[in-house]
Amino acid sequence: MRYAMKQKIFCLGDDYRVLDDEGNEVYLIDGAAFPILGNKLRILDRDGVCVAQIRQRLLSWGPCYDVVRDGATVATVSKHLFTLFLCKFTVDVPGPDDLEASGNLFDYEYHFVRGGRTVARVLRQFFAWSDTYGVDIDPGEDDVLILAATVVIDLCCHTEREK
């Protein structure tokens, strides 16, 4: 499935609209306006039902976020601290099906790999008013999980660009 993920410009938190390839809004990612204890975001479907949450871990060696569904952590997204010329993230899911996300030095293009096979591609679009990404996810993959990991990568890399 192909999505466009657009960060909202005029909002009080890290909010994103996720559109399908026909331009219909399928998810809203709603960030807390003033996070006191780390970033917390909710992924809402078209009907406003929360399908997942993204919660920042405060006590970790680097940027680390949990993806939560129905009160249970289904994945942990963490940034590798020591990489040369690449940004790398691990999406640790229960069992052996972890995802690795890696991209170029400027984080404009990256891909998710599981077991040596690319399962999703993300490309940052230039000449947009806000951070906008094209996200192409292979059939059979967990779209919400990959979209949540894409948000985490944007949060981690966006914070570093501001410094």
Protein backbone atom coordinates (compact mmCIF):
# COMPACT_ATOMS: atom_id res chain seq x y z
CA MET A 1 0.00 0.00 0.00
CA ARG A 2 1.24 3.48 -0.77
CA TYR A 3 0.72 6.33 1.71
CA ALA A 4 1.58 10.01 1.98
CA MET A 5 2.42 11.06 5.52
CA LYS A 6 2.28 14.82 6.06
CA GLN A 7 3.24 16.63 9.24
CA LYS A 8 0.75 19.32 10.13
CA ILE A 9 2.23 22.83 10.20
CA PHE A 10 -0.15 24.73 12.46
CA CYS A 11 -0.64 22.48 15.48
CA LEU A 12 0.51 22.30 19.07
CA GLY A 13 2.02 18.81 18.92
CA ASP A 14 3.65 16.46 16.48
CA ASP A 15 0.60 15.75 14.32
CA TYR A 16 0.58 13.92 10.99
CA ARG A 17 -2.08 13.15 8.41
CA VAL A 18 -1.74 9.84 6.58
CA LEU A 19 -3.38 9.68 3.16
CA ASP A 20 -3.87 6.68 0.90
CA ASP A 21 -2.87 6.75 -2.78
CA GLU A 22 -6.27 8.26 -3.68
CA GLY A 23 -5.84 11.19 -1.26
CA ASN A 24 -8.24 9.92 1.42
CA GLU A 25 -7.18 10.41 5.04
CA VAL A 26 -6.83 6.95 6.58
CA TYR A 27 -4.99 7.79 9.80
CA LEU A 28 -4.37 10.79 12.00
CA ILE A 29 -1.31 10.69 14.21
CA ASP A 30 -2.01 12.96 17.14
CA GLY A 31 0.88 14.12 19.32
CA ALA A 32 0.57 15.62 22.78
CA ALA A 33 0.66 19.43 22.75
CA PHE A 34 3.10 19.83 25.63
CA PRO A 35 4.75 16.52 26.46
CA ILE A 36 6.21 16.74 29.96
CA LEU A 37 7.49 13.19 30.25
CA GLY A 38 8.50 12.33 26.68
CA ASN A 39 6.60 12.23 23.41
CA LYS A 40 3.27 10.41 23.35
CA LEU A 41 1.31 10.05 20.15
CA ARG A 42 -1.91 8.26 19.21
CA ILE A 43 -2.67 6.74 15.82
CA LEU A 44 -6.37 7.19 15.04
CA ASP A 45 -8.23 5.56 12.17
CA ARG A 46 -10.83 7.33 9.98
CA ASP A 47 -13.48 6.87 12.67
CA GLY A 48 -11.31 8.40 15.40
CA VAL A 49 -10.61 5.04 17.06
CA CYS A 50 -7.12 4.71 18.56
CA VAL A 51 -5.40 1.77 16.82
CA ALA A 52 -1.95 2.28 18.39
CA GLN A 53 0.11 4.57 20.59
CA ILE A 54 3.73 5.69 20.37
CA ARG A 55 5.46 6.34 23.70
CA GLN A 56 8.97 7.63 24.22
CA ARG A 57 11.13 5.75 26.71
CA LEU A 58 12.88 8.22 28.96
CA LEU A 59 15.54 5.97 30.49
CA SER A 60 17.45 4.55 27.54
CA TRP A 61 20.89 4.99 25.98
CA GLY A 62 19.51 6.66 22.90
CA PRO A 63 16.23 7.56 21.26
CA CYS A 64 13.81 4.72 21.97
CA TYR A 65 10.02 4.48 21.52
CA ASP A 66 7.44 1.79 22.21
CA VAL A 67 4.53 1.06 19.88
CA VAL A 68 1.56 -0.02 22.00
CA ARG A 69 -1.70 -1.72 20.96
CA ASP A 70 -4.47 -2.68 23.37
CA GLY A 71 -2.19 -1.91 26.33
CA ALA A 72 0.61 -4.24 25.19
CA THR A 73 3.93 -3.22 23.63
CA VAL A 74 4.06 -4.72 20.12
CA ALA A 75 7.39 -3.17 19.08
CA THR A 76 10.27 -1.06 20.30
CA VAL A 77 11.88 1.35 17.84
CA SER A 78 15.42 2.41 18.75
CA LYS A 79 18.14 4.34 17.00
CA HIS A 80 21.61 2.87 16.62
CA LEU A 81 24.05 5.27 18.24
CA PHE A 82 27.29 4.49 16.45
CA THR A 83 26.94 4.35 12.67
CA LEU A 84 29.09 6.01 10.04
CA PHE A 85 27.32 8.05 7.35
CA LEU A 86 24.04 6.18 7.83
CA CYS A 87 21.08 6.40 10.14
CA LYS A 88 19.93 3.01 11.40
CA PHE A 89 16.96 2.00 13.51
CA THR A 90 15.80 -1.35 14.86
CA VAL A 91 12.11 -2.18 15.11
CA ASP A 92 12.18 -4.96 17.70
CA VAL A 93 9.01 -7.06 17.59
CA PRO A 94 8.33 -10.19 19.67
CA GLY A 95 9.85 -13.20 17.95
CA PRO A 96 12.37 -13.37 15.14
CA ASP A 97 10.74 -10.91 12.68
CA ASP A 98 12.55 -7.69 13.64
CA LEU A 99 12.80 -4.89 11.11
CA GLU A 100 15.89 -2.82 10.38
CA ALA A 101 15.49 0.66 8.93
CA SER A 102 18.47 2.38 7.37
CA GLY A 103 18.94 5.36 5.13
CA ASN A 104 21.32 7.95 3.85
CA LEU A 105 23.20 10.55 5.89
CA PHE A 106 20.45 13.17 5.55
CA ASP A 107 17.52 10.80 6.22
CA TYR A 108 15.76 11.67 2.98
CA GLU A 109 15.35 8.10 1.86
CA TYR A 110 15.39 4.85 3.77
CA HIS A 111 13.96 1.36 3.71
CA PHE A 112 12.73 -1.28 6.14
CA VAL A 113 14.27 -4.74 5.83
CA ARG A 114 13.11 -8.00 7.43
CA GLY A 115 15.21 -11.13 6.99
CA GLY A 116 17.27 -9.58 4.18
CA ARG A 117 14.18 -8.53 2.18
CA THR A 118 13.02 -4.93 1.75
CA VAL A 119 9.40 -4.69 2.91
CA ALA A 120 8.85 -0.89 2.87
CA ARG A 121 10.41 2.20 1.35
CA VAL A 122 10.20 5.80 2.60
CA LEU A 123 11.10 8.88 0.58
CA ARG A 124 11.01 12.42 1.93
CA GLN A 125 9.40 14.81 -0.52
CA PHE A 126 11.13 18.08 -1.23
CA PHE A 127 9.47 21.44 -1.86
CA ALA A 128 6.71 20.84 0.67
CA TRP A 129 5.69 23.24 3.43
CA SER A 130 6.06 20.57 6.09
CA ASP A 131 7.81 17.24 6.45
CA THR A 132 6.10 15.00 3.91
CA TYR A 133 6.96 11.38 3.22
CA GLY A 134 5.90 8.84 0.65
CA VAL A 135 5.64 5.45 2.36
CA ASP A 136 5.35 2.35 0.17
CA ILE A 137 4.57 -0.83 2.16
CA ASP A 138 4.55 -4.32 0.68
CA PRO A 139 1.32 -6.38 0.91
CA GLY A 140 1.03 -8.50 4.02
CA GLU A 141 3.06 -6.14 6.20
CA ASP A 142 1.76 -4.35 9.30
CA ASP A 143 1.01 -0.90 7.88
CA VAL A 144 0.33 0.73 11.26
CA LEU A 145 3.60 -0.57 12.71
CA ILE A 146 5.66 0.71 9.77
CA LEU A 147 3.87 4.08 9.82
CA ALA A 148 4.54 4.33 13.57
CA ALA A 149 8.23 3.55 13.01
CA THR A 150 8.33 6.20 10.26
CA VAL A 151 6.98 8.76 12.74
CA VAL A 152 9.63 7.75 15.29
CA ILE A 153 12.40 8.14 12.71
CA ASP A 154 11.07 11.58 11.79
CA LEU A 155 10.90 12.61 15.46
CA CYS A 156 14.47 11.43 16.11
CA CYS A 157 15.98 12.97 13.00
CA HIS A 158 13.92 16.16 13.16
CA THR A 159 15.06 16.82 16.74
CA GLU A 160 18.69 16.36 15.71
CA ARG A 161 18.33 18.76 12.75
CA GLU A 162 16.99 21.48 15.09
CA LYS A 163 20.07 21.32 17.33
